[in-house]
PDB file of all heavy atoms in Angstrom:
ATOM      1  N   GLU A   1     128.440  38.856  89.055  1.00  0.00           N
ATOM      2  CA  GLU A   1     128.722  38.823  90.489  1.00  0.00           C
ATOM      3  C   GLU A   1     128.920  37.402  90.996  1.00  0.00           C
ATOM      4  O   GLU A   1     128.857  37.142  92.200  1.00  0.00           O
ATOM      5  CB  GLU A   1     127.576  39.495  91.257  1.00  0.00           C
ATOM      6  CG  GLU A   1     127.375  40.966  90.873  1.00  0.00           C
ATOM      7  CD  GLU A   1     126.198  41.594  91.597  1.00  0.00           C
ATOM      8  OE1 GLU A   1     125.446  40.859  92.260  1.00  0.00           O
ATOM      9  OE2 GLU A   1     126.043  42.823  91.497  1.00  0.00           O
ATOM     10  N   GLY A   2     129.190  36.464  90.082  1.00  0.00           N
ATOM     11  CA  GLY A   2     129.374  35.077  90.498  1.00  0.00           C
ATOM     12  C   GLY A   2     130.740  34.822  91.111  1.00  0.00           C
ATOM     13  O   GLY A   2     131.645  35.661  91.064  1.00  0.00           O
ATOM     14  N   ASP A   3     130.905  33.643  91.671  1.00  0.00           N
ATOM     15  CA  ASP A   3     132.153  33.278  92.345  1.00  0.00           C
ATOM     16  C   ASP A   3     133.227  32.808  91.372  1.00  0.00           C
ATOM     17  O   ASP A   3     134.414  32.824  91.707  1.00  0.00           O
ATOM     18  CB  ASP A   3     131.888  32.158  93.364  1.00  0.00           C
ATOM     19  CG  ASP A   3     131.005  32.619  94.515  1.00  0.00           C
ATOM     20  OD1 ASP A   3     131.061  33.815  94.848  1.00  0.00           O
ATOM     21  OD2 ASP A   3     130.256  31.783  95.056  1.00  0.00           O
ATOM     22  N   LEU A   4     132.827  32.378  90.181  1.00  0.00           N
ATOM     23  CA  LEU A   4     133.797  31.866  89.213  1.00  0.00           C
ATOM     24  C   LEU A   4     134.413  33.030  88.441  1.00  0.00           C
ATOM     25  O   LEU A   4     133.720  33.776  87.761  1.00  0.00           O
ATOM     26  CB  LEU A   4     133.103  30.899  88.247  1.00  0.00           C
ATOM     27  CG  LEU A   4     134.018  30.037  87.373  1.00  0.00           C
ATOM     28  CD1 LEU A   4     134.708  28.967  88.223  1.00  0.00           C
ATOM     29  CD2 LEU A   4     133.219  29.376  86.251  1.00  0.00           C
ATOM     30  N   GLU A   5     135.735  33.191  88.547  1.00  0.00           N
ATOM     31  CA  GLU A   5     136.426  34.290  87.874  1.00  0.00           C
ATOM     32  C   GLU A   5     136.713  33.897  86.419  1.00  0.00           C
ATOM     33  O   GLU A   5     137.459  32.952  86.160  1.00  0.00           O
ATOM     34  CB  GLU A   5     137.739  34.597  88.587  1.00  0.00           C
ATOM     35  CG  GLU A   5     137.574  35.143  89.993  1.00  0.00           C
ATOM     36  CD  GLU A   5     137.319  36.639  90.009  1.00  0.00           C
ATOM     37  OE1 GLU A   5     137.525  37.283  88.969  1.00  0.00           O
ATOM     38  OE2 GLU A   5     136.905  37.160  91.062  1.00  0.00           O
ATOM     39  N   VAL A   6     136.112  34.640  85.494  1.00  0.00           N
ATOM     40  CA  VAL A   6     136.309  34.383  84.065  1.00  0.00           C
ATOM     41  C   VAL A   6     137.093  35.542  83.470  1.00  0.00           C
ATOM     42  O   VAL A   6     136.672  36.694  83.571  1.00  0.00           O
ATOM     43  CB  VAL A   6     134.963  34.212  83.341  1.00  0.00           C
ATOM     44  CG1 VAL A   6     135.192  34.072  81.835  1.00  0.00           C
ATOM     45  CG2 VAL A   6     134.223  32.995  83.872  1.00  0.00           C
ATOM     46  N   GLY A   7     138.242  35.231  82.866  1.00  0.00           N
ATOM     47  CA  GLY A   7     139.069  36.254  82.241  1.00  0.00           C
ATOM     48  C   GLY A   7     139.002  36.158  80.724  1.00  0.00           C
ATOM     49  O   GLY A   7     139.300  35.107  80.145  1.00  0.00           O
ATOM     50  N   VAL A   8     138.570  37.235  80.080  1.00  0.00           N
ATOM     51  CA  VAL A   8     138.483  37.296  78.621  1.00  0.00           C
ATOM     52  C   VAL A   8     139.728  38.010  78.104  1.00  0.00           C
ATOM     53  O   VAL A   8     139.997  39.154  78.481  1.00  0.00           O
ATOM     54  CB  VAL A   8     137.218  38.055  78.171  1.00  0.00           C
ATOM     55  CG1 VAL A   8     137.144  38.104  76.646  1.00  0.00           C
ATOM     56  CG2 VAL A   8     135.974  37.423  78.759  1.00  0.00           C
ATOM     57  N   ILE A   9     140.511  37.351  77.274  1.00  0.00           N
ATOM     58  CA  ILE A   9     141.744  37.953  76.761  1.00  0.00           C
ATOM     59  C   ILE A   9     141.378  39.056  75.771  1.00  0.00           C
ATOM     60  O   ILE A   9     140.822  38.802  74.699  1.00  0.00           O
ATOM     61  CB  ILE A   9     142.638  36.903  76.080  1.00  0.00           C
ATOM     62  CG1 ILE A   9     142.905  35.722  77.006  1.00  0.00           C
ATOM     63  CG2 ILE A   9     143.953  37.549  75.636  1.00  0.00           C
ATOM     64  CD1 ILE A   9     143.645  36.066  78.268  1.00  0.00           C
ATOM     65  N   ALA A  10     141.697  40.295  76.144  1.00  0.00           N
ATOM     66  CA  ALA A  10     141.313  41.460  75.322  1.00  0.00           C
ATOM     67  C   ALA A  10     142.451  41.840  74.399  1.00  0.00           C
ATOM     68  O   ALA A  10     143.043  42.917  74.493  1.00  0.00           O
ATOM     69  CB  ALA A  10     140.922  42.630  76.220  1.00  0.00           C
ATOM     70  N   TYR A  11     142.764  40.936  73.458  1.00  0.00           N
ATOM     71  CA  TYR A  11     143.843  41.226  72.522  1.00  0.00           C
ATOM     72  C   TYR A  11     143.399  42.209  71.437  1.00  0.00           C
ATOM     73  O   TYR A  11     142.198  42.487  71.302  1.00  0.00           O
ATOM     74  CB  TYR A  11     144.385  39.950  71.878  1.00  0.00           C
ATOM     75  CG  TYR A  11     143.420  38.807  71.664  1.00  0.00           C
ATOM     76  CD1 TYR A  11     142.304  38.918  70.849  1.00  0.00           C
ATOM     77  CD2 TYR A  11     143.655  37.586  72.281  1.00  0.00           C
ATOM     78  CE1 TYR A  11     141.451  37.849  70.638  1.00  0.00           C
ATOM     79  CE2 TYR A  11     142.811  36.507  72.082  1.00  0.00           C
ATOM     80  CZ  TYR A  11     141.715  36.642  71.261  1.00  0.00           C
ATOM     81  OH  TYR A  11     140.863  35.582  71.058  1.00  0.00           O
ATOM     82  N   PRO A  12     144.342  42.740  70.664  1.00  0.00           N
ATOM     83  CA  PRO A  12     143.958  43.639  69.570  1.00  0.00           C
ATOM     84  C   PRO A  12     143.013  42.923  68.591  1.00  0.00           C
ATOM     85  O   PRO A  12     143.137  41.723  68.354  1.00  0.00           O
ATOM     86  CB  PRO A  12     145.285  43.965  68.888  1.00  0.00           C
ATOM     87  CG  PRO A  12     146.328  43.705  69.917  1.00  0.00           C
ATOM     88  CD  PRO A  12     145.812  42.573  70.747  1.00  0.00           C
ATOM     89  N   TYR A  13     142.087  43.675  68.056  1.00  0.00           N
ATOM     90  CA  TYR A  13     141.130  43.172  67.063  1.00  0.00           C
ATOM     91  C   TYR A  13     140.209  42.104  67.640  1.00  0.00           C
ATOM     92  O   TYR A  13     139.675  41.261  66.920  1.00  0.00           O
ATOM     93  CB  TYR A  13     141.856  42.694  65.791  1.00  0.00           C
ATOM     94  CG  TYR A  13     142.809  43.740  65.294  1.00  0.00           C
ATOM     95  CD1 TYR A  13     144.192  43.594  65.426  1.00  0.00           C
ATOM     96  CD2 TYR A  13     142.327  44.923  64.756  1.00  0.00           C
ATOM     97  CE1 TYR A  13     145.057  44.595  65.017  1.00  0.00           C
ATOM     98  CE2 TYR A  13     143.184  45.927  64.344  1.00  0.00           C
ATOM     99  CZ  TYR A  13     144.556  45.757  64.483  1.00  0.00           C
ATOM    100  OH  TYR A  13     145.398  46.747  64.074  1.00  0.00           O
ATOM    101  N   MET A  14     140.029  42.124  68.979  1.00  0.00           N
ATOM    102  CA  MET A  14     139.021  41.282  69.617  1.00  0.00           C
ATOM    103  C   MET A  14     137.667  41.552  68.974  1.00  0.00           C
ATOM    104  O   MET A  14     137.269  42.697  68.802  1.00  0.00           O
ATOM    105  CB  MET A  14     138.976  41.590  71.109  1.00  0.00           C
ATOM    106  CG  MET A  14     137.886  40.867  71.880  1.00  0.00           C
ATOM    107  SD  MET A  14     137.925  41.195  73.664  1.00  0.00           S
ATOM    108  CE  MET A  14     137.624  42.963  73.714  1.00  0.00           C
ATOM    109  N   SER A  15     136.951  40.501  68.620  1.00  0.00           N
ATOM    110  CA  SER A  15     135.681  40.680  67.915  1.00  0.00           C
ATOM    111  C   SER A  15     134.565  39.884  68.574  1.00  0.00           C
ATOM    112  O   SER A  15     134.810  38.903  69.287  1.00  0.00           O
ATOM    113  CB  SER A  15     135.819  40.252  66.444  1.00  0.00           C
ATOM    114  OG  SER A  15     136.031  38.853  66.343  1.00  0.00           O
ATOM    115  N   ASN A  16     133.351  40.319  68.314  1.00  0.00           N
ATOM    116  CA  ASN A  16     132.137  39.607  68.736  1.00  0.00           C
ATOM    117  C   ASN A  16     132.097  39.320  70.238  1.00  0.00           C
ATOM    118  O   ASN A  16     131.514  38.326  70.674  1.00  0.00           O
ATOM    119  CB  ASN A  16     131.965  38.305  67.940  1.00  0.00           C
ATOM    120  CG  ASN A  16     131.687  38.577  66.479  1.00  0.00           C
ATOM    121  OD1 ASN A  16     132.601  38.785  65.705  1.00  0.00           O
ATOM    122  ND2 ASN A  16     130.427  38.614  66.096  1.00  0.00           N
ATOM    123  N   PHE A  17     132.700  40.230  71.031  1.00  0.00           N
ATOM    124  CA  PHE A  17     132.720  39.994  72.471  1.00  0.00           C
ATOM    125  C   PHE A  17     131.371  40.248  73.126  1.00  0.00           C
ATOM    126  O   PHE A  17     131.176  39.929  74.294  1.00  0.00           O
ATOM    127  CB  PHE A  17     133.804  40.839  73.149  1.00  0.00           C
ATOM    128  CG  PHE A  17     133.808  42.289  72.755  1.00  0.00           C
ATOM    129  CD1 PHE A  17     132.981  43.199  73.384  1.00  0.00           C
ATOM    130  CD2 PHE A  17     134.637  42.736  71.753  1.00  0.00           C
ATOM    131  CE1 PHE A  17     132.985  44.531  73.031  1.00  0.00           C
ATOM    132  CE2 PHE A  17     134.653  44.080  71.384  1.00  0.00           C
ATOM    133  CZ  PHE A  17     133.820  44.977  72.021  1.00  0.00           C
ATOM    134  N   ASN A  18     130.409  40.813  72.366  1.00  0.00           N
ATOM    135  CA  ASN A  18     129.067  40.992  72.937  1.00  0.00           C
ATOM    136  C   ASN A  18     128.409  39.662  73.282  1.00  0.00           C
ATOM    137  O   ASN A  18     127.559  39.599  74.162  1.00  0.00           O
ATOM    138  CB  ASN A  18     128.169  41.801  71.990  1.00  0.00           C
ATOM    139  CG  ASN A  18     128.402  41.430  70.543  1.00  0.00           C
ATOM    140  OD1 ASN A  18     128.497  40.255  70.196  1.00  0.00           O
ATOM    141  ND2 ASN A  18     128.527  42.430  69.696  1.00  0.00           N
ATOM    142  N   GLU A  19     128.806  38.579  72.593  1.00  0.00           N
ATOM    143  CA  GLU A  19     128.210  37.271  72.871  1.00  0.00           C
ATOM    144  C   GLU A  19     128.494  36.811  74.303  1.00  0.00           C
ATOM    145  O   GLU A  19     127.760  35.992  74.860  1.00  0.00           O
ATOM    146  CB  GLU A  19     128.740  36.235  71.891  1.00  0.00           C
ATOM    147  CG  GLU A  19     130.233  35.963  72.009  1.00  0.00           C
ATOM    148  CD  GLU A  19     130.737  35.004  70.946  1.00  0.00           C
ATOM    149  OE1 GLU A  19     130.208  33.885  70.867  1.00  0.00           O
ATOM    150  OE2 GLU A  19     131.664  35.386  70.204  1.00  0.00           O
ATOM    151  N   LEU A  20     129.555  37.352  74.904  1.00  0.00           N
ATOM    152  CA  LEU A  20     129.928  36.939  76.251  1.00  0.00           C
ATOM    153  C   LEU A  20     128.937  37.435  77.299  1.00  0.00           C
ATOM    154  O   LEU A  20     128.979  36.995  78.452  1.00  0.00           O
ATOM    155  CB  LEU A  20     131.330  37.435  76.582  1.00  0.00           C
ATOM    156  CG  LEU A  20     132.427  36.986  75.598  1.00  0.00           C
ATOM    157  CD1 LEU A  20     133.755  37.598  75.963  1.00  0.00           C
ATOM    158  CD2 LEU A  20     132.519  35.467  75.554  1.00  0.00           C
ATOM    159  N   PHE A  21     128.022  38.317  76.901  1.00  0.00           N
ATOM    160  CA  PHE A  21     127.034  38.816  77.845  1.00  0.00           C
ATOM    161  C   PHE A  21     125.961  37.784  78.161  1.00  0.00           C
ATOM    162  O   PHE A  21     125.057  38.034  78.947  1.00  0.00           O
ATOM    163  CB  PHE A  21     126.458  40.147  77.370  1.00  0.00           C
ATOM    164  CG  PHE A  21     127.337  41.305  77.765  1.00  0.00           C
ATOM    165  CD1 PHE A  21     128.605  41.422  77.247  1.00  0.00           C
ATOM    166  CD2 PHE A  21     126.930  42.230  78.701  1.00  0.00           C
ATOM    167  CE1 PHE A  21     129.459  42.450  77.628  1.00  0.00           C
ATOM    168  CE2 PHE A  21     127.763  43.261  79.102  1.00  0.00           C
ATOM    169  CZ  PHE A  21     129.027  43.375  78.563  1.00  0.00           C
ATOM    170  N   ALA A  22     126.086  36.593  77.575  1.00  0.00           N
ATOM    171  CA  ALA A  22     125.303  35.455  78.078  1.00  0.00           C
ATOM    172  C   ALA A  22     125.697  35.151  79.517  1.00  0.00           C
ATOM    173  O   ALA A  22     124.907  34.598  80.291  1.00  0.00           O
ATOM    174  CB  ALA A  22     125.552  34.225  77.205  1.00  0.00           C
ATOM    175  N   LEU A  23     126.918  35.539  79.896  1.00  0.00           N
ATOM    176  CA  LEU A  23     127.428  35.240  81.235  1.00  0.00           C
ATOM    177  C   LEU A  23     126.930  36.212  82.296  1.00  0.00           C
ATOM    178  O   LEU A  23     127.238  36.044  83.481  1.00  0.00           O
ATOM    179  CB  LEU A  23     128.958  35.248  81.218  1.00  0.00           C
ATOM    180  CG  LEU A  23     129.620  34.218  80.285  1.00  0.00           C
ATOM    181  CD1 LEU A  23     131.127  34.395  80.288  1.00  0.00           C
ATOM    182  CD2 LEU A  23     129.253  32.799  80.693  1.00  0.00           C
ATOM    183  N   VAL A  24     126.179  37.241  81.889  1.00  0.00           N
ATOM    184  CA  VAL A  24     125.581  38.143  82.881  1.00  0.00           C
ATOM    185  C   VAL A  24     124.705  37.334  83.840  1.00  0.00           C
ATOM    186  O   VAL A  24     124.695  37.587  85.049  1.00  0.00           O
ATOM    187  CB  VAL A  24     124.756  39.250  82.189  1.00  0.00           C
ATOM    188  CG1 VAL A  24     123.910  40.003  83.199  1.00  0.00           C
ATOM    189  CG2 VAL A  24     125.691  40.220  81.464  1.00  0.00           C
ATOM    190  N   LYS A  25     123.975  36.387  83.290  1.00  0.00           N
ATOM    191  CA  LYS A  25     123.111  35.528  84.104  1.00  0.00           C
ATOM    192  C   LYS A  25     123.795  34.175  84.283  1.00  0.00           C
ATOM    193  O   LYS A  25     123.446  33.187  83.641  1.00  0.00           O
ATOM    194  CB  LYS A  25     121.746  35.367  83.445  1.00  0.00           C
ATOM    195  CG  LYS A  25     120.983  36.682  83.299  1.00  0.00           C
ATOM    196  CD  LYS A  25     119.649  36.474  82.601  1.00  0.00           C
ATOM    197  CE  LYS A  25     118.884  37.777  82.463  1.00  0.00           C
ATOM    198  NZ  LYS A  25     117.580  37.597  81.760  1.00  0.00           N
ATOM    199  N   SER A  26     124.812  34.159  85.130  1.00  0.00           N
ATOM    200  CA  SER A  26     125.564  32.930  85.355  1.00  0.00           C
ATOM    201  C   SER A  26     126.233  32.994  86.722  1.00  0.00           C
ATOM    202  O   SER A  26     126.079  33.967  87.465  1.00  0.00           O
ATOM    203  CB  SER A  26     126.638  32.744  84.258  1.00  0.00           C
ATOM    204  OG  SER A  26     127.742  33.604  84.488  1.00  0.00           O
ATOM    205  N   ASN A  27     127.000  31.969  87.022  1.00  0.00           N
ATOM    206  CA  ASN A  27     127.745  31.930  88.281  1.00  0.00           C
ATOM    207  C   ASN A  27     129.122  32.565  88.138  1.00  0.00           C
ATOM    208  O   ASN A  27     130.026  32.293  88.934  1.00  0.00           O
ATOM    209  CB  ASN A  27     127.887  30.487  88.757  1.00  0.00           C
ATOM    210  CG  ASN A  27     128.686  29.628  87.787  1.00  0.00           C
ATOM    211  OD1 ASN A  27     128.704  29.898  86.583  1.00  0.00           O
ATOM    212  ND2 ASN A  27     129.330  28.590  88.289  1.00  0.00           N
ATOM    213  N   SER A  28     129.286  33.429  87.131  1.00  0.00           N
ATOM    214  CA  SER A  28     130.590  33.988  86.799  1.00  0.00           C
ATOM    215  C   SER A  28     130.684  35.466  87.120  1.00  0.00           C
ATOM    216  O   SER A  28     129.686  36.184  87.174  1.00  0.00           O
ATOM    217  CB  SER A  28     130.875  33.805  85.296  1.00  0.00           C
ATOM    218  OG  SER A  28     130.713  32.473  84.897  1.00  0.00           O
ATOM    219  N   SER A  29     131.907  35.935  87.305  1.00  0.00           N
ATOM    220  CA  SER A  29     132.223  37.355  87.235  1.00  0.00           C
ATOM    221  C   SER A  29     133.277  37.490  86.139  1.00  0.00           C
ATOM    222  O   SER A  29     134.264  36.749  86.120  1.00  0.00           O
ATOM    223  CB  SER A  29     132.744  37.882  88.574  1.00  0.00           C
ATOM    224  OG  SER A  29     133.891  37.196  88.988  1.00  0.00           O
ATOM    225  N   VAL A  30     133.047  38.411  85.215  1.00  0.00           N
ATOM    226  CA  VAL A  30     133.822  38.476  83.976  1.00  0.00           C
ATOM    227  C   VAL A  30     134.653  39.751  83.941  1.00  0.00           C
ATOM    228  O   VAL A  30     134.149  40.848  84.191  1.00  0.00           O
ATOM    229  CB  VAL A  30     132.886  38.427  82.750  1.00  0.00           C
ATOM    230  CG1 VAL A  30     133.691  38.517  81.448  1.00  0.00           C
ATOM    231  CG2 VAL A  30     132.056  37.142  82.768  1.00  0.00           C
ATOM    232  N   LYS A  31     135.932  39.578  83.602  1.00  0.00           N
ATOM    233  CA  LYS A  31     136.829  40.715  83.423  1.00  0.00           C
ATOM    234  C   LYS A  31     137.539  40.566  82.082  1.00  0.00           C
ATOM    235  O   LYS A  31     137.832  39.449  81.639  1.00  0.00           O
ATOM    236  CB  LYS A  31     137.852  40.794  84.548  1.00  0.00           C
ATOM    237  CG  LYS A  31     137.265  41.120  85.916  1.00  0.00           C
ATOM    238  CD  LYS A  31     138.351  41.215  86.975  1.00  0.00           C
ATOM    239  CE  LYS A  31     137.774  41.670  88.317  1.00  0.00           C
ATOM    240  NZ  LYS A  31     136.788  40.713  88.847  1.00  0.00           N
ATOM    241  N   PHE A  32     137.817  41.697  81.453  1.00  0.00           N
ATOM    242  CA  PHE A  32     138.579  41.705  80.211  1.00  0.00           C
ATOM    243  C   PHE A  32     140.044  41.904  80.569  1.00  0.00           C
ATOM    244  O   PHE A  32     140.426  42.909  81.161  1.00  0.00           O
ATOM    245  CB  PHE A  32     138.053  42.782  79.274  1.00  0.00           C
ATOM    246  CG  PHE A  32     136.709  42.437  78.705  1.00  0.00           C
ATOM    247  CD1 PHE A  32     135.546  42.703  79.419  1.00  0.00           C
ATOM    248  CD2 PHE A  32     136.595  41.798  77.486  1.00  0.00           C
ATOM    249  CE1 PHE A  32     134.302  42.358  78.922  1.00  0.00           C
ATOM    250  CE2 PHE A  32     135.354  41.445  76.973  1.00  0.00           C
ATOM    251  CZ  PHE A  32     134.208  41.722  77.693  1.00  0.00           C
ATOM    252  N   VAL A  33     140.867  40.922  80.219  1.00  0.00           N
ATOM    253  CA  VAL A  33     142.221  40.791  80.748  1.00  0.00           C
ATOM    254  C   VAL A  33     143.254  41.322  79.760  1.00  0.00           C
ATOM    255  O   VAL A  33     143.286  40.922  78.595  1.00  0.00           O
ATOM    256  CB  VAL A  33     142.513  39.310  81.069  1.00  0.00           C
ATOM    257  CG1 VAL A  33     143.973  39.088  81.403  1.00  0.00           C
ATOM    258  CG2 VAL A  33     141.616  38.837  82.205  1.00  0.00           C
ATOM    259  N   ARG A  34     144.119  42.212  80.268  1.00  0.00           N
ATOM    260  CA  ARG A  34     145.226  42.743  79.464  1.00  0.00           C
ATOM    261  C   ARG A  34     146.565  42.640  80.188  1.00  0.00           C
ATOM    262  O   ARG A  34     147.577  43.108  79.674  1.00  0.00           O
ATOM    263  CB  ARG A  34     144.951  44.206  79.092  1.00  0.00           C
ATOM    264  CG  ARG A  34     143.710  44.389  78.228  1.00  0.00           C
ATOM    265  CD  ARG A  34     143.465  45.862  77.895  1.00  0.00           C
ATOM    266  NE  ARG A  34     142.322  46.033  77.002  1.00  0.00           N
ATOM    267  CZ  ARG A  34     141.066  46.170  77.405  1.00  0.00           C
ATOM    268  NH1 ARG A  34     140.787  46.151  78.705  1.00  0.00           N
ATOM    269  NH2 ARG A  34     140.097  46.328  76.537  1.00  0.00           N
ATOM    270  N   ASP A  35     146.572  42.064  81.396  1.00  0.00           N
ATOM    271  CA  ASP A  35     147.820  41.950  82.144  1.00  0.00           C
ATOM    272  C   ASP A  35     147.922  40.565  82.767  1.00  0.00           C
ATOM    273  O   ASP A  35     146.920  39.867  82.987  1.00  0.00           O
ATOM    274  CB  ASP A  35     147.912  43.035  83.224  1.00  0.00           C
ATOM    275  CG  ASP A  35     146.839  42.886  84.293  1.00  0.00           C
ATOM    276  OD1 ASP A  35     147.078  42.156  85.273  1.00  0.00           O
ATOM    277  OD2 ASP A  35     145.754  43.493  84.144  1.00  0.00           O
ATOM    278  N   LEU A  36     149.150  40.160  83.054  1.00  0.00           N
ATOM    279  CA  LEU A  36     149.425  38.805  83.510  1.00  0.00           C
ATOM    280  C   LEU A  36     148.807  38.519  84.879  1.00  0.00           C
ATOM    281  O   LEU A  36     148.319  37.418  85.132  1.00  0.00           O
ATOM    282  CB  LEU A  36     150.944  38.587  83.556  1.00  0.00           C
ATOM    283  CG  LEU A  36     151.451  37.149  83.627  1.00  0.00           C
ATOM    284  CD1 LEU A  36     150.929  36.326  82.450  1.00  0.00           C
ATOM    285  CD2 LEU A  36     152.977  37.140  83.635  1.00  0.00           C
ATOM    286  N   GLY A  37     148.806  39.516  85.761  1.00  0.00           N
ATOM    287  CA  GLY A  37     148.251  39.307  87.096  1.00  0.00           C
ATOM    288  C   GLY A  37     146.776  38.942  87.049  1.00  0.00           C
ATOM    289  O   GLY A  37     146.325  38.020  87.735  1.00  0.00           O
ATOM    290  N   SER A  38     146.012  39.679  86.224  1.00  0.00           N
ATOM    291  CA  SER A  38     144.579  39.389  86.091  1.00  0.00           C
ATOM    292  C   SER A  38     144.353  38.012  85.489  1.00  0.00           C
ATOM    293  O   SER A  38     143.429  37.287  85.883  1.00  0.00           O
ATOM    294  CB  SER A  38     143.916  40.460  85.230  1.00  0.00           C
ATOM    295  OG  SER A  38     143.994  41.730  85.829  1.00  0.00           O
ATOM    296  N   LEU A  39     145.202  37.642  84.532  1.00  0.00           N
ATOM    297  CA  LEU A  39     145.074  36.322  83.915  1.00  0.00           C
ATOM    298  C   LEU A  39     145.300  35.222  84.947  1.00  0.00           C
ATOM    299  O   LEU A  39     144.548  34.242  85.005  1.00  0.00           O
ATOM    300  CB  LEU A  39     146.073  36.194  82.764  1.00  0.00           C
ATOM    301  CG  LEU A  39     146.115  34.840  82.065  1.00  0.00           C
ATOM    302  CD1 LEU A  39     144.773  34.507  81.421  1.00  0.00           C
ATOM    303  CD2 LEU A  39     147.231  34.818  81.021  1.00  0.00           C
ATOM    304  N   LYS A  40     146.311  35.369  85.780  1.00  0.00           N
ATOM    305  CA  LYS A  40     146.629  34.339  86.768  1.00  0.00           C
ATOM    306  C   LYS A  40     145.497  34.165  87.777  1.00  0.00           C
ATOM    307  O   LYS A  40     145.304  33.072  88.317  1.00  0.00           O
ATOM    308  CB  LYS A  40     147.936  34.689  87.481  1.00  0.00           C
ATOM    309  CG  LYS A  40     149.170  34.524  86.599  1.00  0.00           C
ATOM    310  CD  LYS A  40     150.443  34.912  87.346  1.00  0.00           C
ATOM    311  CE  LYS A  40     151.677  34.699  86.487  1.00  0.00           C
ATOM    312  NZ  LYS A  40     152.931  35.107  87.187  1.00  0.00           N
ATOM    313  N   ARG A  41     144.746  35.233  88.043  1.00  0.00           N
ATOM    314  CA  ARG A  41     143.642  35.146  89.011  1.00  0.00           C
ATOM    315  C   ARG A  41     142.383  34.518  88.414  1.00  0.00           C
ATOM    316  O   ARG A  41     141.433  34.221  89.139  1.00  0.00           O
ATOM    317  CB  ARG A  41     143.319  36.542  89.546  1.00  0.00           C
ATOM    318  CG  ARG A  41     144.395  37.104  90.468  1.00  0.00           C
ATOM    319  CD  ARG A  41     143.922  38.366  91.179  1.00  0.00           C
ATOM    320  NE  ARG A  41     143.755  39.477  90.253  1.00  0.00           N
ATOM    321  CZ  ARG A  41     144.721  40.321  89.911  1.00  0.00           C
ATOM    322  NH1 ARG A  41     145.944  40.166  90.405  1.00  0.00           N
ATOM    323  NH2 ARG A  41     144.488  41.327  89.092  1.00  0.00           N
ATOM    324  N   SER A  42     142.355  34.310  87.112  1.00  0.00           N
ATOM    325  CA  SER A  42     141.164  33.781  86.445  1.00  0.00           C
ATOM    326  C   SER A  42     141.049  32.269  86.644  1.00  0.00           C
ATOM    327  O   SER A  42     142.034  31.540  86.531  1.00  0.00           O
ATOM    328  CB  SER A  42     141.216  34.092  84.943  1.00  0.00           C
ATOM    329  OG  SER A  42     141.292  35.485  84.719  1.00  0.00           O
ATOM    330  N   ASP A  43     139.821  31.821  86.920  1.00  0.00           N
ATOM    331  CA  ASP A  43     139.558  30.386  87.001  1.00  0.00           C
ATOM    332  C   ASP A  43     139.373  29.780  85.616  1.00  0.00           C
ATOM    333  O   ASP A  43     139.781  28.640  85.361  1.00  0.00           O
ATOM    334  CB  ASP A  43     138.290  30.129  87.829  1.00  0.00           C
ATOM    335  CG  ASP A  43     138.408  30.639  89.254  1.00  0.00           C
ATOM    336  OD1 ASP A  43     139.432  30.345  89.904  1.00  0.00           O
ATOM    337  OD2 ASP A  43     137.491  31.353  89.711  1.00  0.00           O
ATOM    338  N   VAL A  44     138.718  30.535  84.751  1.00  0.00           N
ATOM    339  CA  VAL A  44     138.472  30.109  83.370  1.00  0.00           C
ATOM    340  C   VAL A  44     138.914  31.237  82.445  1.00  0.00           C
ATOM    341  O   VAL A  44     138.669  32.412  82.735  1.00  0.00           O
ATOM    342  CB  VAL A  44     136.975  29.790  83.134  1.00  0.00           C
ATOM    343  CG1 VAL A  44     136.740  29.375  81.688  1.00  0.00           C
ATOM    344  CG2 VAL A  44     136.497  28.697  84.090  1.00  0.00           C
TER     345      VAL A  44
END
């Protein structure tokens, strides 16, 4: 629920994405990105 928009590129054969749950307790909001619009809205 943080203000920093983090976009994770969800390409085929994406692996070990569970490690990104370190960001649950952060200033971030995390989305798994599969389209250009979502990517453009990402800060990181």
